[in-house]
Each structure stands twice: as structure tokens, then as C-alpha cells.
């Protein structure tokens, strides 16, 4: 039986807002390595479950679904983002600046 991973995806590099943050995803682990098709050069495999990606609003919904379908799963907890250090633009030109000048 294939094992699933339940996780909350991080923001993408192109995302500045908080849309779709807090959703939970259920994906299946890949068991076999993918192989190259010698004729077309495409990468393929025989596992179709790796193409499935289910999204849920809460962790509990994702866990309930996996338990109902009798899918063994692992929960990957989200990492908390580091707090940003707030400073003013004028601090770049301060006389008592402690960092080295970079530009």
C-alpha cells in the first residue's frame, strides 16, 4: 500500500499575499524511480498515484479522508516563517551604521 504525505505548502516565490495559505495537501510518495522514454525523450513511470494531489481546508479533513480510505499517512508540520526585522529606509544612510557599506 502506498503511503501519503499530508502537508501545508509554503508560499511560492511569486506570492506576496496570504491566499491559499493554511490549506493542506495530500500527496502520495513515489515508490519507483521514473525512467526516460528512448523514443520521445519524455520522463515517465508506471505509478499513477503520484499524479494525485488533493487539497483540504483543514488538517483534520485531510486526516479523516486518509483514515476513511485506509491510506497510511505521514503529517509534515509547517515551519513558521522568521519575523522580519523592521527598519526605515533612512537607516541605510545613517552615520552610526554598524554594517559595512555595500553600494
N, C-alpha and C. Protein backbone atom coordinates (compact mmCIF):
# COMPACT_ATOMS: atom_id res chain seq x y z
N UNK A 1 0.84 -1.19 0.00
CA UNK A 1 0.00 0.00 0.00
C UNK A 1 0.89 1.25 0.00
N UNK A 2 0.53 2.20 -0.80
CA UNK A 2 1.33 3.42 -0.90
C UNK A 2 1.04 4.35 0.26
N UNK A 3 2.06 5.02 0.72
CA UNK A 3 1.94 5.95 1.84
C UNK A 3 1.74 7.37 1.31
N UNK A 4 0.93 8.14 2.03
CA UNK A 4 0.65 9.51 1.64
C UNK A 4 1.37 10.48 2.58
N UNK A 5 1.59 11.68 2.09
CA UNK A 5 2.17 12.76 2.89
C UNK A 5 1.13 13.87 2.95
N UNK A 6 0.85 14.33 4.17
CA UNK A 6 -0.07 15.45 4.36
C UNK A 6 0.76 16.64 4.83
N UNK A 7 0.68 17.75 4.11
CA UNK A 7 1.47 18.92 4.46
C UNK A 7 0.74 20.19 4.07
N UNK A 8 1.20 21.30 4.64
CA UNK A 8 0.68 22.61 4.30
C UNK A 8 1.74 23.32 3.46
N UNK A 9 1.46 23.60 2.17
CA UNK A 9 2.50 24.17 1.32
C UNK A 9 2.88 25.60 1.72
N UNK A 10 4.14 25.93 1.49
CA UNK A 10 4.64 27.27 1.77
C UNK A 10 4.27 28.21 0.62
N UNK A 11 4.43 29.50 0.86
CA UNK A 11 4.19 30.48 -0.20
C UNK A 11 5.22 30.29 -1.31
N UNK A 12 4.81 30.55 -2.53
CA UNK A 12 5.76 30.49 -3.64
C UNK A 12 6.58 31.78 -3.66
N UNK A 13 7.63 31.79 -4.46
CA UNK A 13 8.47 32.97 -4.57
C UNK A 13 7.72 34.13 -5.23
N UNK A 14 6.70 33.84 -6.01
CA UNK A 14 5.94 34.86 -6.71
C UNK A 14 4.73 35.34 -5.91
N UNK A 15 4.56 34.86 -4.70
CA UNK A 15 3.38 35.17 -3.91
C UNK A 15 3.73 36.10 -2.77
N UNK A 16 3.04 37.23 -2.67
CA UNK A 16 3.29 38.15 -1.57
C UNK A 16 2.15 38.15 -0.57
N UNK A 17 0.98 37.74 -0.98
CA UNK A 17 -0.18 37.73 -0.10
C UNK A 17 -0.31 36.45 0.67
N UNK A 18 -1.47 36.26 1.30
CA UNK A 18 -1.68 35.07 2.13
C UNK A 18 -2.76 34.16 1.54
N UNK A 19 -3.07 34.29 0.25
CA UNK A 19 -4.07 33.42 -0.37
C UNK A 19 -3.55 31.99 -0.42
N UNK A 20 -4.43 31.06 -0.18
CA UNK A 20 -4.13 29.62 -0.20
C UNK A 20 -3.13 29.21 0.88
N UNK A 21 -2.86 30.08 1.82
CA UNK A 21 -2.02 29.72 2.95
C UNK A 21 -2.92 29.05 3.98
N UNK A 22 -2.47 27.98 4.57
CA UNK A 22 -3.27 27.28 5.56
C UNK A 22 -4.03 26.11 4.98
N UNK A 23 -3.98 25.92 3.66
CA UNK A 23 -4.59 24.73 3.08
C UNK A 23 -3.67 23.54 3.31
N UNK A 24 -4.23 22.36 3.26
CA UNK A 24 -3.47 21.14 3.47
C UNK A 24 -3.57 20.27 2.22
N UNK A 25 -2.46 19.63 1.87
CA UNK A 25 -2.36 18.83 0.65
C UNK A 25 -2.05 17.38 1.03
N UNK A 26 -2.72 16.45 0.34
CA UNK A 26 -2.42 15.04 0.49
C UNK A 26 -1.83 14.55 -0.82
N UNK A 27 -0.58 14.08 -0.78
CA UNK A 27 0.11 13.55 -1.95
C UNK A 27 0.66 12.17 -1.62
N UNK A 28 0.82 11.35 -2.63
CA UNK A 28 1.38 10.03 -2.42
C UNK A 28 2.88 10.04 -2.66
N UNK A 29 3.60 9.23 -1.88
CA UNK A 29 5.04 9.09 -2.06
C UNK A 29 5.33 8.29 -3.33
N UNK A 30 6.44 8.58 -3.95
CA UNK A 30 6.86 7.86 -5.15
C UNK A 30 7.66 6.63 -4.70
N UNK A 31 7.25 5.45 -5.15
CA UNK A 31 7.93 4.21 -4.76
C UNK A 31 8.96 3.76 -5.78
N UNK A 32 8.68 3.98 -7.06
CA UNK A 32 9.60 3.55 -8.10
C UNK A 32 10.23 4.76 -8.78
N UNK A 33 11.44 4.56 -9.26
CA UNK A 33 12.12 5.64 -9.97
C UNK A 33 11.49 5.84 -11.34
N UNK A 34 11.50 7.08 -11.82
CA UNK A 34 10.99 7.37 -13.16
C UNK A 34 12.05 6.98 -14.18
N UNK A 35 11.63 6.75 -15.40
CA UNK A 35 12.56 6.35 -16.45
C UNK A 35 12.36 7.21 -17.69
N UNK A 36 13.40 7.27 -18.51
CA UNK A 36 13.36 8.04 -19.76
C UNK A 36 12.81 7.17 -20.88
N UNK A 37 11.95 7.76 -21.69
CA UNK A 37 11.45 7.10 -22.89
C UNK A 37 12.50 7.33 -23.99
N UNK A 38 13.11 6.26 -24.53
CA UNK A 38 14.18 6.47 -25.51
C UNK A 38 13.71 7.09 -26.83
N UNK A 39 12.45 6.87 -27.21
CA UNK A 39 11.97 7.39 -28.48
C UNK A 39 11.67 8.88 -28.41
N UNK A 40 10.88 9.29 -27.43
CA UNK A 40 10.43 10.68 -27.34
C UNK A 40 11.29 11.53 -26.40
N UNK A 41 12.01 10.89 -25.48
CA UNK A 41 12.82 11.65 -24.54
C UNK A 41 12.03 12.12 -23.34
N UNK A 42 10.79 11.67 -23.20
CA UNK A 42 9.96 12.06 -22.07
C UNK A 42 10.34 11.25 -20.84
N UNK A 43 10.02 11.79 -19.70
CA UNK A 43 10.23 11.07 -18.44
C UNK A 43 8.89 10.51 -18.02
N UNK A 44 8.86 9.23 -17.70
CA UNK A 44 7.60 8.60 -17.32
C UNK A 44 7.80 7.55 -16.25
N UNK A 45 6.70 7.02 -15.81
CA UNK A 45 6.73 5.97 -14.80
C UNK A 45 5.43 5.21 -14.83
N UNK A 46 5.38 4.13 -14.07
CA UNK A 46 4.19 3.30 -14.05
C UNK A 46 3.24 3.64 -12.91
N UNK A 47 3.66 4.54 -12.02
CA UNK A 47 2.81 4.91 -10.89
C UNK A 47 1.89 6.07 -11.27
N UNK A 48 0.60 5.85 -11.17
CA UNK A 48 -0.34 6.92 -11.47
C UNK A 48 -0.76 7.67 -10.22
N UNK A 49 -0.51 7.11 -9.05
CA UNK A 49 -0.94 7.77 -7.82
C UNK A 49 -0.10 9.01 -7.51
N UNK A 50 1.09 9.11 -8.09
CA UNK A 50 1.91 10.30 -7.83
C UNK A 50 1.35 11.54 -8.52
N UNK A 51 0.39 11.35 -9.42
CA UNK A 51 -0.24 12.47 -10.10
C UNK A 51 -1.39 13.06 -9.30
N UNK A 52 -1.80 12.38 -8.23
CA UNK A 52 -2.94 12.81 -7.43
C UNK A 52 -2.47 13.80 -6.36
N UNK A 53 -3.15 14.92 -6.28
CA UNK A 53 -2.84 15.95 -5.30
C UNK A 53 -4.17 16.51 -4.80
N UNK A 54 -4.57 16.12 -3.59
CA UNK A 54 -5.85 16.54 -3.03
C UNK A 54 -5.63 17.68 -2.04
N UNK A 55 -6.46 18.70 -2.08
CA UNK A 55 -6.35 19.82 -1.14
C UNK A 55 -7.53 19.81 -0.18
N UNK A 56 -7.26 20.20 1.05
CA UNK A 56 -8.26 20.27 2.11
C UNK A 56 -8.12 21.60 2.84
N UNK A 57 -9.20 22.05 3.44
CA UNK A 57 -9.16 23.31 4.18
C UNK A 57 -8.48 23.17 5.54
N UNK A 58 -8.61 21.99 6.16
CA UNK A 58 -8.01 21.78 7.49
C UNK A 58 -7.24 20.47 7.52
N UNK A 59 -6.36 20.36 8.50
CA UNK A 59 -5.59 19.14 8.71
C UNK A 59 -6.52 17.99 9.09
N UNK A 60 -7.54 18.28 9.89
CA UNK A 60 -8.46 17.25 10.34
C UNK A 60 -9.21 16.62 9.16
N UNK A 61 -9.60 17.44 8.18
CA UNK A 61 -10.29 16.92 6.99
C UNK A 61 -9.38 15.98 6.21
N UNK A 62 -8.12 16.36 6.08
CA UNK A 62 -7.16 15.52 5.35
C UNK A 62 -6.94 14.20 6.08
N UNK A 63 -6.81 14.26 7.41
CA UNK A 63 -6.62 13.04 8.19
C UNK A 63 -7.84 12.13 8.11
N UNK A 64 -9.04 12.71 8.20
CA UNK A 64 -10.27 11.92 8.12
C UNK A 64 -10.37 11.21 6.77
N UNK A 65 -10.04 11.93 5.69
CA UNK A 65 -10.10 11.32 4.36
C UNK A 65 -9.14 10.14 4.26
N UNK A 66 -7.91 10.33 4.72
CA UNK A 66 -6.92 9.26 4.64
C UNK A 66 -7.35 8.06 5.49
N UNK A 67 -7.92 8.30 6.65
CA UNK A 67 -8.36 7.20 7.51
C UNK A 67 -9.56 6.48 6.90
N UNK A 68 -10.49 7.22 6.31
CA UNK A 68 -11.65 6.60 5.66
C UNK A 68 -11.23 5.71 4.50
N UNK A 69 -10.26 6.17 3.72
CA UNK A 69 -9.78 5.42 2.56
C UNK A 69 -8.72 4.38 2.94
N UNK A 70 -8.38 4.29 4.24
CA UNK A 70 -7.37 3.37 4.76
C UNK A 70 -6.01 3.57 4.10
N UNK A 71 -5.63 4.83 3.99
CA UNK A 71 -4.34 5.20 3.41
C UNK A 71 -3.38 5.53 4.56
N UNK A 72 -2.25 4.82 4.67
CA UNK A 72 -1.27 5.21 5.69
C UNK A 72 -0.67 6.56 5.33
N UNK A 73 -0.48 7.43 6.33
CA UNK A 73 -0.01 8.77 6.03
C UNK A 73 0.99 9.27 7.06
N UNK A 74 1.74 10.27 6.63
CA UNK A 74 2.70 10.99 7.47
C UNK A 74 2.29 12.46 7.42
N UNK A 75 2.31 13.12 8.56
CA UNK A 75 1.99 14.55 8.61
C UNK A 75 3.29 15.33 8.71
N UNK A 76 3.49 16.25 7.78
CA UNK A 76 4.66 17.13 7.80
C UNK A 76 4.18 18.50 8.29
N UNK A 77 4.61 18.86 9.48
CA UNK A 77 4.19 20.13 10.10
C UNK A 77 4.82 21.31 9.36
N UNK A 78 4.07 22.40 9.20
CA UNK A 78 4.64 23.58 8.51
C UNK A 78 5.64 24.30 9.41
N UNK A 79 6.64 24.87 8.77
CA UNK A 79 7.63 25.66 9.51
C UNK A 79 7.12 27.09 9.64
N UNK A 80 7.37 27.69 10.78
CA UNK A 80 6.94 29.07 10.98
C UNK A 80 7.94 30.02 10.32
N UNK A 81 7.46 31.03 9.61
CA UNK A 81 8.39 31.96 8.97
C UNK A 81 9.10 32.84 10.00
N UNK A 82 10.31 33.21 9.64
CA UNK A 82 11.07 34.09 10.53
C UNK A 82 10.46 35.48 10.52
N UNK A 83 10.52 36.13 11.65
CA UNK A 83 10.00 37.50 11.75
C UNK A 83 10.94 38.45 11.01
N UNK A 84 10.37 39.36 10.27
CA UNK A 84 11.18 40.34 9.56
C UNK A 84 11.66 41.43 10.50
N UNK A 85 12.89 41.85 10.29
CA UNK A 85 13.43 42.94 11.09
C UNK A 85 13.00 44.25 10.43
N UNK A 86 12.18 45.01 11.11
CA UNK A 86 11.70 46.26 10.52
C UNK A 86 12.74 47.36 10.72
N UNK A 87 12.97 48.10 9.67
CA UNK A 87 13.86 49.26 9.76
C UNK A 87 13.45 50.25 8.68
N UNK A 88 13.85 51.45 8.88
CA UNK A 88 13.48 52.51 7.96
C UNK A 88 14.49 52.59 6.82
N UNK A 89 14.07 53.12 5.69
CA UNK A 89 14.95 53.30 4.55
C UNK A 89 16.11 54.24 4.90
N UNK A 90 15.83 55.20 5.75
CA UNK A 90 16.86 56.17 6.15
C UNK A 90 17.99 55.51 6.92
N UNK A 91 17.75 54.33 7.50
CA UNK A 91 18.80 53.62 8.23
C UNK A 91 19.95 53.21 7.31
N UNK A 92 19.71 53.11 6.01
CA UNK A 92 20.79 52.78 5.07
C UNK A 92 21.85 53.87 5.01
N UNK A 93 21.48 55.09 5.34
CA UNK A 93 22.39 56.23 5.24
C UNK A 93 22.74 56.84 6.59
N UNK A 94 22.51 56.11 7.65
CA UNK A 94 22.76 56.64 8.99
C UNK A 94 24.27 56.76 9.24
N UNK A 95 24.67 57.76 10.03
CA UNK A 95 26.08 57.96 10.35
C UNK A 95 26.60 56.90 11.31
N UNK A 96 25.73 56.39 12.15
CA UNK A 96 26.16 55.39 13.14
C UNK A 96 25.83 53.97 12.67
N UNK A 97 25.89 53.73 11.38
CA UNK A 97 25.59 52.42 10.82
C UNK A 97 26.69 51.44 11.20
N UNK A 98 26.30 50.26 11.67
CA UNK A 98 27.28 49.29 12.15
C UNK A 98 27.72 48.32 11.06
N UNK A 99 26.88 48.09 10.05
CA UNK A 99 27.26 47.17 8.98
C UNK A 99 28.16 47.89 7.99
N UNK A 100 28.84 47.12 7.15
CA UNK A 100 29.71 47.72 6.14
C UNK A 100 28.87 48.29 5.00
N UNK A 101 29.40 49.27 4.35
CA UNK A 101 28.71 49.91 3.25
C UNK A 101 28.81 48.98 2.03
N UNK A 102 27.67 48.69 1.37
CA UNK A 102 27.67 47.69 0.31
C UNK A 102 27.49 48.27 -1.09
N UNK A 103 27.18 49.55 -1.21
CA UNK A 103 26.99 50.08 -2.57
C UNK A 103 27.49 51.48 -2.70
